[in-house]
C-alpha cells in the first residue's frame, strides 16, 4: 500500500511540476492610434501604408498582459498589404511600460474604399516581455477626414481552443487508470 501512495504522490508532484513550467501566453487587448504623425500616408495604387520616423503611435487601450502599456508610445513600420511585405516587427512599444511588439505574418481580409478608408485583418505573433510569444490577430483601420488620415490598430491573442483543458483531463484520466492498475 505504501508503494501505491508513493507512486501517486510522485505522479501528482510531476503533474504540478509540468503545470508550473507551462507557458504564460499573452492575454488581453491593445489598441494603438495615430500620434502626431503628419508623414502618415496610404497609397491605394501600390497598397502601401507609410508612417513617419520615430514614435508615431500611442497606446489608448491596454488590458490583460498589456495593462502596463496604457499611454505608452509606439512605432509602426511601413508595410505593403497586397502582396504582404513588412519590416519585422510591424509595431513595437518604445517607452512607457514593458517592451511589446507584433510580427505580422499574414493578411486575412482587405476592405478598401479608395481614397477614403481601409480596413485590414491579419495574424502574427505577439511578444510582451515576461510572457511567451503568442499567436494573435490584428485589425487596422484608416479613415480620411478632409485632408488628414487617422488610424487605429487592435491586437488580440488567439485563444488556445481548449487544448489546456484537454491536456489536464487526459492527465487526470491517466492518473486514475494508473491507480486502478496498481491496486490490482
N, C-alpha and C. Protein backbone atom coordinates (compact mmCIF):
# COMPACT_ATOMS: atom_id res chain seq x y z
N UNK A 1 0.81 -1.18 0.00
CA UNK A 1 0.00 0.00 0.00
C UNK A 1 0.87 1.26 0.00
N UNK A 2 2.01 1.24 0.73
CA UNK A 2 2.89 2.40 0.77
C UNK A 2 3.47 2.69 -0.61
N UNK A 3 3.74 1.64 -1.40
CA UNK A 3 4.29 1.83 -2.74
C UNK A 3 3.28 2.58 -3.60
N UNK A 4 2.01 2.19 -3.53
CA UNK A 4 0.97 2.86 -4.33
C UNK A 4 0.88 4.32 -3.93
N UNK A 5 0.88 4.62 -2.65
CA UNK A 5 0.80 6.01 -2.18
C UNK A 5 1.98 6.83 -2.68
N UNK A 6 3.18 6.24 -2.67
CA UNK A 6 4.36 6.96 -3.14
C UNK A 6 4.29 7.20 -4.64
N UNK A 7 3.80 6.23 -5.39
CA UNK A 7 3.68 6.39 -6.85
C UNK A 7 2.65 7.48 -7.15
N UNK A 8 1.52 7.46 -6.43
CA UNK A 8 0.51 8.50 -6.63
C UNK A 8 1.07 9.87 -6.28
N UNK A 9 1.81 9.97 -5.20
CA UNK A 9 2.40 11.24 -4.79
C UNK A 9 3.41 11.72 -5.84
N UNK A 10 4.23 10.82 -6.36
CA UNK A 10 5.21 11.19 -7.38
C UNK A 10 4.50 11.64 -8.66
N UNK A 11 3.42 10.95 -9.05
CA UNK A 11 2.68 11.33 -10.24
C UNK A 11 2.04 12.70 -10.07
N UNK A 12 1.47 12.93 -8.89
CA UNK A 12 0.85 14.21 -8.61
C UNK A 12 1.89 15.33 -8.60
N UNK A 13 3.04 15.10 -8.01
CA UNK A 13 4.11 16.10 -7.98
C UNK A 13 4.59 16.41 -9.39
N UNK A 14 4.71 15.38 -10.25
CA UNK A 14 5.15 15.64 -11.61
C UNK A 14 4.11 16.43 -12.38
N UNK A 15 2.83 16.20 -12.09
CA UNK A 15 1.77 16.96 -12.73
C UNK A 15 1.87 18.44 -12.35
N UNK A 16 2.13 18.72 -11.06
CA UNK A 16 2.29 20.10 -10.64
C UNK A 16 3.55 20.72 -11.25
N UNK A 17 4.61 19.94 -11.38
CA UNK A 17 5.83 20.45 -11.99
C UNK A 17 5.59 20.83 -13.44
N UNK A 18 4.83 20.01 -14.15
CA UNK A 18 4.50 20.32 -15.54
C UNK A 18 3.67 21.59 -15.60
N UNK A 19 2.71 21.72 -14.69
CA UNK A 19 1.86 22.90 -14.66
C UNK A 19 2.64 24.16 -14.38
N UNK A 20 3.64 24.10 -13.50
CA UNK A 20 4.40 25.30 -13.17
C UNK A 20 5.37 25.67 -14.28
N UNK A 21 5.71 24.74 -15.15
CA UNK A 21 6.61 25.04 -16.25
C UNK A 21 5.84 25.38 -17.52
N UNK A 22 4.51 25.45 -17.42
CA UNK A 22 3.71 25.70 -18.60
C UNK A 22 3.88 27.12 -19.09
N UNK A 23 3.45 27.34 -20.31
CA UNK A 23 3.57 28.63 -20.96
C UNK A 23 2.65 29.66 -20.31
N UNK A 24 3.09 30.91 -20.33
CA UNK A 24 2.27 32.02 -19.87
C UNK A 24 1.99 32.88 -21.10
N UNK A 25 0.86 32.63 -21.77
CA UNK A 25 0.58 33.36 -23.00
C UNK A 25 0.14 34.79 -22.74
N UNK A 26 0.27 35.62 -23.74
CA UNK A 26 -0.23 36.98 -23.70
C UNK A 26 -1.75 36.92 -23.72
N UNK A 27 -2.39 37.73 -22.88
CA UNK A 27 -3.85 37.82 -22.87
C UNK A 27 -4.24 39.29 -22.99
N UNK A 28 -5.50 39.55 -23.27
CA UNK A 28 -5.99 40.91 -23.31
C UNK A 28 -5.98 41.52 -24.70
N UNK A 29 -6.02 42.84 -24.71
CA UNK A 29 -6.15 43.57 -25.96
C UNK A 29 -5.36 44.86 -25.86
N UNK A 30 -4.79 45.28 -26.99
CA UNK A 30 -4.08 46.56 -27.05
C UNK A 30 -4.62 47.32 -28.25
N UNK A 31 -4.86 48.61 -28.05
CA UNK A 31 -5.31 49.48 -29.13
C UNK A 31 -4.29 50.60 -29.28
N UNK A 32 -3.82 50.79 -30.50
CA UNK A 32 -2.80 51.79 -30.80
C UNK A 32 -3.39 52.75 -31.83
N UNK A 33 -3.23 54.06 -31.61
CA UNK A 33 -3.76 55.04 -32.56
C UNK A 33 -2.66 55.97 -33.05
N UNK A 34 -2.98 56.71 -34.12
CA UNK A 34 -2.01 57.66 -34.67
C UNK A 34 -1.67 58.71 -33.63
N UNK A 35 -0.46 59.18 -33.69
CA UNK A 35 0.05 60.10 -32.69
C UNK A 35 0.93 61.14 -33.38
N UNK A 36 0.36 62.27 -33.70
CA UNK A 36 1.12 63.37 -34.28
C UNK A 36 2.07 62.90 -35.39
N UNK A 37 1.51 62.29 -36.41
CA UNK A 37 2.33 61.74 -37.50
C UNK A 37 1.90 62.35 -38.83
N UNK A 38 2.38 63.56 -39.14
CA UNK A 38 1.99 64.21 -40.39
C UNK A 38 2.52 63.49 -41.63
N UNK A 39 3.46 62.56 -41.46
CA UNK A 39 4.01 61.82 -42.59
C UNK A 39 3.16 60.61 -42.97
N UNK A 40 2.14 60.28 -42.15
CA UNK A 40 1.32 59.10 -42.44
C UNK A 40 0.64 59.24 -43.79
N UNK A 41 0.67 58.17 -44.58
CA UNK A 41 0.05 58.19 -45.91
C UNK A 41 -0.31 56.78 -46.35
N UNK A 42 -1.33 56.72 -47.20
CA UNK A 42 -1.71 55.45 -47.84
C UNK A 42 -1.65 55.67 -49.34
N UNK A 43 -1.06 54.73 -50.04
CA UNK A 43 -1.06 54.75 -51.49
C UNK A 43 -1.93 53.58 -51.93
N UNK A 44 -3.16 53.86 -52.32
CA UNK A 44 -4.09 52.80 -52.72
C UNK A 44 -3.67 52.13 -54.02
N UNK A 45 -2.88 52.81 -54.85
CA UNK A 45 -2.43 52.22 -56.11
C UNK A 45 -1.38 51.13 -55.87
N UNK A 46 -0.50 51.35 -54.86
CA UNK A 46 0.56 50.37 -54.58
C UNK A 46 0.28 49.55 -53.32
N UNK A 47 -0.88 49.81 -52.66
CA UNK A 47 -1.26 49.09 -51.43
C UNK A 47 -0.22 49.26 -50.33
N UNK A 48 0.29 50.47 -50.20
CA UNK A 48 1.35 50.76 -49.24
C UNK A 48 0.86 51.72 -48.16
N UNK A 49 1.22 51.43 -46.91
CA UNK A 49 0.93 52.30 -45.78
C UNK A 49 2.28 52.78 -45.24
N UNK A 50 2.42 54.12 -45.12
CA UNK A 50 3.69 54.71 -44.69
C UNK A 50 3.48 55.53 -43.42
N UNK A 51 4.47 55.47 -42.56
CA UNK A 51 4.46 56.20 -41.30
C UNK A 51 5.71 57.05 -41.22
N UNK A 52 5.69 58.05 -40.35
CA UNK A 52 6.87 58.87 -40.13
C UNK A 52 7.88 58.14 -39.25
N UNK A 53 9.05 58.72 -39.15
CA UNK A 53 10.10 58.13 -38.30
C UNK A 53 9.79 58.40 -36.84
N UNK A 54 10.40 57.63 -35.96
CA UNK A 54 10.25 57.85 -34.52
C UNK A 54 8.93 57.34 -33.98
N UNK A 55 8.54 57.89 -32.83
CA UNK A 55 7.29 57.49 -32.19
C UNK A 55 6.13 58.09 -32.97
N UNK A 56 5.30 57.22 -33.57
CA UNK A 56 4.20 57.73 -34.37
C UNK A 56 2.86 57.18 -33.90
N UNK A 57 2.83 56.59 -32.70
CA UNK A 57 1.60 55.98 -32.21
C UNK A 57 1.55 56.03 -30.69
N UNK A 58 0.33 55.84 -30.16
CA UNK A 58 0.13 55.85 -28.72
C UNK A 58 -0.85 54.75 -28.34
N UNK A 59 -0.58 54.07 -27.23
CA UNK A 59 -1.47 53.01 -26.73
C UNK A 59 -2.62 53.69 -25.97
N UNK A 60 -3.87 53.43 -26.43
CA UNK A 60 -5.03 54.05 -25.79
C UNK A 60 -5.91 53.05 -25.05
N UNK A 61 -5.67 51.76 -25.25
CA UNK A 61 -6.38 50.72 -24.51
C UNK A 61 -5.39 49.59 -24.28
N UNK A 62 -5.29 49.12 -23.05
CA UNK A 62 -4.35 48.06 -22.72
C UNK A 62 -4.95 47.22 -21.59
N UNK A 63 -5.36 45.98 -21.92
CA UNK A 63 -5.93 45.10 -20.91
C UNK A 63 -5.10 43.83 -20.81
N UNK A 64 -5.32 43.05 -19.76
CA UNK A 64 -4.61 41.78 -19.59
C UNK A 64 -3.10 41.98 -19.50
N UNK A 65 -2.36 41.23 -20.28
CA UNK A 65 -0.89 41.29 -20.27
C UNK A 65 -0.36 42.64 -20.71
N UNK A 66 -1.17 43.40 -21.43
CA UNK A 66 -0.75 44.71 -21.92
C UNK A 66 -0.99 45.83 -20.91
N UNK A 67 -1.59 45.54 -19.75
CA UNK A 67 -2.07 46.57 -18.82
C UNK A 67 -1.04 47.66 -18.51
N UNK A 68 0.22 47.32 -18.40
CA UNK A 68 1.24 48.31 -18.08
C UNK A 68 1.62 49.22 -19.23
N UNK A 69 0.97 49.06 -20.38
CA UNK A 69 1.34 49.83 -21.56
C UNK A 69 0.41 50.99 -21.87
N UNK A 70 -0.61 51.21 -21.06
CA UNK A 70 -1.53 52.31 -21.33
C UNK A 70 -0.77 53.63 -21.41
N UNK A 71 -1.00 54.38 -22.46
CA UNK A 71 -0.35 55.67 -22.77
C UNK A 71 1.11 55.53 -23.22
N UNK A 72 1.59 54.31 -23.42
CA UNK A 72 2.95 54.13 -23.94
C UNK A 72 3.02 54.63 -25.39
N UNK A 73 4.21 55.00 -25.81
CA UNK A 73 4.40 55.38 -27.21
C UNK A 73 4.87 54.15 -27.98
N UNK A 74 4.63 54.18 -29.27
CA UNK A 74 4.97 53.04 -30.12
C UNK A 74 5.42 53.53 -31.49
N UNK A 75 6.04 52.64 -32.21
CA UNK A 75 6.47 52.94 -33.58
C UNK A 75 5.91 51.87 -34.51
N UNK A 76 5.30 52.31 -35.58
CA UNK A 76 4.81 51.43 -36.64
C UNK A 76 5.77 51.51 -37.80
N UNK A 77 6.09 50.38 -38.42
CA UNK A 77 6.91 50.35 -39.62
C UNK A 77 6.02 50.36 -40.86
N UNK A 78 6.55 50.90 -41.95
CA UNK A 78 5.83 50.92 -43.22
C UNK A 78 5.57 49.49 -43.67
N UNK A 79 4.49 49.28 -44.42
CA UNK A 79 4.20 47.96 -44.95
C UNK A 79 3.36 48.04 -46.21
N UNK A 80 3.40 46.97 -46.98
CA UNK A 80 2.55 46.78 -48.16
C UNK A 80 1.62 45.64 -47.82
N UNK A 81 0.32 45.82 -48.10
CA UNK A 81 -0.65 44.81 -47.68
C UNK A 81 -1.12 43.87 -48.79
N UNK A 82 -0.83 44.16 -50.04
CA UNK A 82 -1.23 43.24 -51.11
C UNK A 82 -0.30 43.38 -52.29
N UNK A 83 0.75 42.53 -52.38
CA UNK A 83 1.09 41.41 -51.50
C UNK A 83 1.75 41.92 -50.22
N UNK A 84 1.67 41.10 -49.17
CA UNK A 84 2.21 41.48 -47.87
C UNK A 84 3.72 41.60 -47.90
N UNK A 85 4.20 42.74 -47.45
CA UNK A 85 5.62 42.98 -47.30
C UNK A 85 5.78 43.92 -46.10
N UNK A 86 6.42 43.43 -45.04
CA UNK A 86 6.51 44.22 -43.82
C UNK A 86 7.86 44.03 -43.15
N UNK A 87 8.37 45.11 -42.57
CA UNK A 87 9.57 45.04 -41.75
C UNK A 87 9.16 44.48 -40.39
N UNK A 88 9.94 43.55 -39.87
CA UNK A 88 9.62 42.93 -38.59
C UNK A 88 10.31 43.68 -37.47
N UNK A 89 9.63 44.06 -36.41
CA UNK A 89 8.20 43.88 -36.15
C UNK A 89 7.38 44.96 -36.86
N UNK A 90 6.09 44.69 -37.03
CA UNK A 90 5.20 45.67 -37.63
C UNK A 90 5.10 46.88 -36.70
N UNK A 91 4.90 46.64 -35.41
CA UNK A 91 4.90 47.72 -34.42
C UNK A 91 5.63 47.26 -33.17
N UNK A 92 6.14 48.22 -32.43
CA UNK A 92 6.82 47.94 -31.15
C UNK A 92 6.64 49.14 -30.24
N UNK A 93 6.46 48.88 -28.95
CA UNK A 93 6.41 49.98 -27.99
C UNK A 93 7.82 50.53 -27.82
N UNK A 94 7.90 51.83 -27.58
CA UNK A 94 9.20 52.46 -27.46
C UNK A 94 9.44 53.09 -26.09
N UNK A 95 8.37 53.30 -25.33
CA UNK A 95 8.52 53.82 -23.96
C UNK A 95 7.21 53.67 -23.23
N UNK A 96 7.27 53.71 -21.89
CA UNK A 96 6.06 53.74 -21.08
C UNK A 96 5.57 52.41 -20.58
N UNK A 97 6.39 51.38 -20.51
CA UNK A 97 5.95 50.10 -19.97
C UNK A 97 6.84 48.98 -20.47
N UNK A 98 6.43 47.72 -20.24
CA UNK A 98 7.24 46.59 -20.71
C UNK A 98 7.30 46.58 -22.24
N UNK A 99 8.40 46.10 -22.78
CA UNK A 99 8.54 46.05 -24.23
C UNK A 99 7.51 45.09 -24.82
N UNK A 100 6.86 45.53 -25.89
CA UNK A 100 5.88 44.71 -26.59
C UNK A 100 6.02 44.96 -28.08
N UNK A 101 5.72 43.93 -28.88
CA UNK A 101 5.78 44.09 -30.32
C UNK A 101 4.90 43.06 -31.00
N UNK A 102 4.63 43.30 -32.28
CA UNK A 102 3.80 42.38 -33.06
C UNK A 102 4.46 42.15 -34.41
N UNK A 103 4.62 40.87 -34.75
CA UNK A 103 5.16 40.48 -36.06
C UNK A 103 4.01 39.99 -36.91
N UNK A 104 3.66 40.76 -37.93
CA UNK A 104 2.57 40.40 -38.84
C UNK A 104 3.06 39.35 -39.82
N UNK A 105 2.35 38.22 -39.88
CA UNK A 105 2.78 37.14 -40.78
C UNK A 105 1.79 36.85 -41.91
N UNK A 106 0.57 37.41 -41.81
CA UNK A 106 -0.40 37.16 -42.86
C UNK A 106 -1.56 38.12 -42.81
N UNK A 107 -2.18 38.33 -43.97
CA UNK A 107 -3.37 39.17 -44.10
C UNK A 107 -4.54 38.26 -44.42
N UNK A 108 -5.64 38.40 -43.67
CA UNK A 108 -6.81 37.56 -43.90
C UNK A 108 -7.98 38.33 -44.48
N UNK A 109 -7.91 39.65 -44.50
CA UNK A 109 -9.01 40.43 -45.06
C UNK A 109 -8.60 41.84 -45.40
N UNK A 110 -9.05 42.31 -46.57
CA UNK A 110 -8.77 43.67 -47.02
C UNK A 110 -10.09 44.28 -47.47
N UNK A 111 -10.46 45.42 -46.88
CA UNK A 111 -11.63 46.16 -47.31
C UNK A 111 -11.18 47.59 -47.53
N UNK A 112 -11.29 48.08 -48.77
CA UNK A 112 -10.86 49.45 -49.02
C UNK A 112 -11.89 50.20 -49.85
N UNK A 113 -12.01 51.47 -49.54
CA UNK A 113 -12.80 52.40 -50.32
C UNK A 113 -11.79 53.45 -50.74
N UNK A 114 -11.19 53.26 -51.90
CA UNK A 114 -10.04 54.02 -52.35
C UNK A 114 -10.18 55.51 -52.07
N UNK A 115 -9.18 56.04 -51.39
CA UNK A 115 -9.13 57.44 -51.06
C UNK A 115 -9.86 57.81 -49.78
N UNK A 116 -10.69 56.91 -49.24
CA UNK A 116 -11.47 57.25 -48.04
C UNK A 116 -11.12 56.42 -46.82
N UNK A 117 -11.18 55.09 -46.93
CA UNK A 117 -10.86 54.28 -45.76
C UNK A 117 -10.32 52.92 -46.17
N UNK A 118 -9.71 52.29 -45.19
CA UNK A 118 -9.06 50.99 -45.39
C UNK A 118 -9.22 50.19 -44.10
N UNK A 119 -9.57 48.92 -44.24
CA UNK A 119 -9.60 48.03 -43.07
C UNK A 119 -8.84 46.76 -43.44
N UNK A 120 -7.89 46.40 -42.60
CA UNK A 120 -7.10 45.19 -42.80
C UNK A 120 -7.26 44.29 -41.59
N UNK A 121 -7.26 42.99 -41.84
CA UNK A 121 -7.25 42.00 -40.76
C UNK A 121 -6.11 41.04 -41.06
N UNK A 122 -5.43 40.61 -40.01
CA UNK A 122 -4.31 39.70 -40.20
C UNK A 122 -3.99 38.93 -38.94
N UNK A 123 -2.89 38.19 -39.02
CA UNK A 123 -2.45 37.39 -37.89
C UNK A 123 -0.93 37.43 -37.81
N UNK A 124 -0.42 37.03 -36.66
CA UNK A 124 1.01 37.02 -36.46
C UNK A 124 1.35 36.57 -35.05
N UNK A 125 2.44 37.10 -34.51
CA UNK A 125 2.93 36.70 -33.20
C UNK A 125 3.07 37.94 -32.32
N UNK A 126 2.45 37.89 -31.13
CA UNK A 126 2.52 38.96 -30.15
C UNK A 126 3.63 38.62 -29.16
N UNK A 127 4.47 39.61 -28.87
CA UNK A 127 5.55 39.41 -27.91
C UNK A 127 5.48 40.52 -26.85
N UNK A 128 5.41 40.11 -25.59
CA UNK A 128 5.43 41.05 -24.47
C UNK A 128 6.43 40.50 -23.46
N UNK A 129 7.33 41.34 -22.97
CA UNK A 129 8.34 40.91 -22.00
C UNK A 129 7.65 40.29 -20.79
N UNK A 130 8.14 39.10 -20.39
CA UNK A 130 7.58 38.39 -19.25
C UNK A 130 6.54 37.35 -19.63
N UNK A 131 6.18 37.28 -20.92
CA UNK A 131 5.19 36.32 -21.40
C UNK A 131 5.76 35.56 -22.59
N UNK A 132 5.16 34.40 -22.87
CA UNK A 132 5.59 33.64 -24.03
C UNK A 132 5.05 34.26 -25.30
N UNK A 133 5.79 34.13 -26.39
CA UNK A 133 5.30 34.58 -27.69
C UNK A 133 3.97 33.88 -27.96
N UNK A 134 2.96 34.65 -28.40
CA UNK A 134 1.60 34.14 -28.52
C UNK A 134 1.02 34.48 -29.88
N UNK A 135 0.41 33.51 -30.56
CA UNK A 135 -0.27 33.83 -31.82
C UNK A 135 -1.38 34.85 -31.54
N UNK A 136 -1.55 35.80 -32.46
CA UNK A 136 -2.56 36.82 -32.25
C UNK A 136 -3.14 37.35 -33.54
N UNK A 137 -4.23 38.09 -33.40
CA UNK A 137 -4.87 38.72 -34.56
C UNK A 137 -4.59 40.22 -34.53
N UNK A 138 -4.81 40.83 -35.69
CA UNK A 138 -4.52 42.26 -35.86
C UNK A 138 -5.60 42.86 -36.74
N UNK A 139 -6.12 43.99 -36.31
CA UNK A 139 -7.06 44.77 -37.11
C UNK A 139 -6.49 46.17 -37.27
N UNK A 140 -6.56 46.71 -38.47
CA UNK A 140 -6.01 48.02 -38.76
C UNK A 140 -7.06 48.79 -39.55
N UNK A 141 -7.45 49.96 -39.04
CA UNK A 141 -8.48 50.76 -39.69
C UNK A 141 -7.96 52.17 -39.93
N UNK A 142 -8.19 52.68 -41.15
CA UNK A 142 -7.78 54.03 -41.51
C UNK A 142 -9.00 54.76 -42.04
N UNK A 143 -9.18 55.99 -41.59
CA UNK A 143 -10.26 56.84 -42.09
C UNK A 143 -9.70 58.18 -42.52
N UNK A 144 -10.25 58.72 -43.61
CA UNK A 144 -9.81 60.03 -44.09
C UNK A 144 -10.91 61.04 -43.77
N UNK A 145 -10.50 62.14 -43.17
CA UNK A 145 -11.40 63.24 -42.89
C UNK A 145 -10.79 64.48 -43.51
N UNK A 146 -11.39 64.95 -44.58
CA UNK A 146 -10.88 66.07 -45.36
C UNK A 146 -9.46 65.78 -45.82
N UNK A 147 -8.46 66.47 -45.29
CA UNK A 147 -7.09 66.25 -45.77
C UNK A 147 -6.24 65.40 -44.83
N UNK A 148 -6.81 64.93 -43.72
CA UNK A 148 -5.99 64.16 -42.78
C UNK A 148 -6.53 62.74 -42.61
N UNK A 149 -5.62 61.84 -42.33
CA UNK A 149 -5.95 60.45 -42.06
C UNK A 149 -5.82 60.19 -40.57
N UNK A 150 -6.65 59.30 -40.03
CA UNK A 150 -6.45 58.79 -38.68
C UNK A 150 -6.47 57.28 -38.77
N UNK A 151 -5.74 56.62 -37.90
CA UNK A 151 -5.71 55.16 -37.96
C UNK A 151 -5.71 54.58 -36.57
N UNK A 152 -6.14 53.32 -36.52
CA UNK A 152 -6.24 52.59 -35.26
C UNK A 152 -5.86 51.14 -35.50
N UNK A 153 -5.24 50.53 -34.53
CA UNK A 153 -4.83 49.13 -34.64
C UNK A 153 -5.18 48.41 -33.35
N UNK A 154 -5.72 47.20 -33.46
CA UNK A 154 -6.07 46.39 -32.28
C UNK A 154 -5.41 45.03 -32.43
N UNK A 155 -4.79 44.56 -31.37
CA UNK A 155 -4.21 43.21 -31.33
C UNK A 155 -4.85 42.41 -30.21
N UNK A 156 -5.16 41.14 -30.50
CA UNK A 156 -5.71 40.21 -29.51
C UNK A 156 -5.03 38.86 -29.69
N UNK A 157 -4.72 38.18 -28.58
CA UNK A 157 -4.20 36.81 -28.69
C UNK A 157 -5.28 35.86 -29.22
N UNK A 158 -4.86 34.81 -29.87
CA UNK A 158 -5.78 33.77 -30.34
C UNK A 158 -5.97 32.77 -29.21
N UNK A 159 -7.23 32.51 -28.80
CA UNK A 159 -7.45 31.52 -27.72
C UNK A 159 -6.89 30.16 -28.11
N UNK A 160 -6.48 29.38 -27.09
CA UNK A 160 -5.86 28.08 -27.38
C UNK A 160 -6.86 27.01 -27.77
N UNK A 161 -8.15 27.31 -27.79
CA UNK A 161 -9.16 26.36 -28.25
C UNK A 161 -9.43 25.22 -27.28
N UNK A 162 -9.04 25.35 -26.03
CA UNK A 162 -9.33 24.31 -25.04
C UNK A 162 -8.27 23.24 -24.92
N UNK A 163 -7.15 23.41 -25.59
CA UNK A 163 -6.12 22.36 -25.52
C UNK A 163 -5.56 22.21 -24.10
N UNK A 164 -5.49 23.30 -23.34
CA UNK A 164 -5.00 23.22 -21.96
C UNK A 164 -5.94 22.37 -21.11
N UNK A 165 -7.25 22.58 -21.27
CA UNK A 165 -8.23 21.81 -20.50
C UNK A 165 -8.18 20.34 -20.92
N UNK A 166 -8.03 20.09 -22.22
CA UNK A 166 -7.95 18.71 -22.70
C UNK A 166 -6.72 18.00 -22.13
N UNK A 167 -5.59 18.69 -22.06
CA UNK A 167 -4.37 18.11 -21.51
C UNK A 167 -4.55 17.78 -20.03
N UNK A 168 -5.18 18.68 -19.28
CA UNK A 168 -5.43 18.41 -17.87
C UNK A 168 -6.35 17.21 -17.70
N UNK A 169 -7.40 17.13 -18.50
CA UNK A 169 -8.33 16.00 -18.44
C UNK A 169 -7.64 14.68 -18.75
N UNK A 170 -6.78 14.68 -19.78
CA UNK A 170 -6.06 13.46 -20.14
C UNK A 170 -5.13 13.03 -19.01
N UNK A 171 -4.49 14.01 -18.36
CA UNK A 171 -3.59 13.70 -17.25
C UNK A 171 -4.34 13.05 -16.09
N UNK A 172 -5.52 13.58 -15.79
CA UNK A 172 -6.32 13.01 -14.70
C UNK A 172 -6.80 11.60 -15.03
N UNK A 173 -7.14 11.35 -16.29
CA UNK A 173 -7.54 10.00 -16.70
C UNK A 173 -6.39 9.02 -16.54
N UNK A 174 -5.20 9.43 -16.93
CA UNK A 174 -4.02 8.57 -16.80
C UNK A 174 -3.74 8.27 -15.33
N UNK A 175 -3.84 9.27 -14.48
CA UNK A 175 -3.62 9.05 -13.05
C UNK A 175 -4.65 8.07 -12.48
N UNK A 176 -5.92 8.26 -12.87
CA UNK A 176 -6.97 7.33 -12.39
C UNK A 176 -6.73 5.92 -12.87
N UNK A 177 -6.33 5.76 -14.13
CA UNK A 177 -6.03 4.43 -14.68
C UNK A 177 -4.84 3.78 -13.99
N UNK A 178 -3.81 4.59 -13.74
CA UNK A 178 -2.61 4.05 -13.06
C UNK A 178 -2.95 3.59 -11.65
N UNK A 179 -3.80 4.33 -10.98
CA UNK A 179 -4.19 3.96 -9.61
C UNK A 179 -4.92 2.63 -9.60
N UNK A 180 -5.86 2.48 -10.53
CA UNK A 180 -6.61 1.21 -10.60
C UNK A 180 -5.69 0.04 -10.94
N UNK A 181 -4.75 0.28 -11.87
CA UNK A 181 -3.83 -0.77 -12.29
C UNK A 181 -2.94 -1.19 -11.13
N UNK A 182 -2.45 -0.21 -10.37
CA UNK A 182 -1.53 -0.51 -9.27
C UNK A 182 -2.24 -1.19 -8.10
N UNK A 183 -3.54 -0.94 -7.91
CA UNK A 183 -4.28 -1.57 -6.84
C UNK A 183 -4.43 -3.07 -7.10
N UNK A 184 -4.50 -3.46 -8.35
CA UNK A 184 -4.65 -4.88 -8.70
C UNK A 184 -3.35 -5.54 -8.52
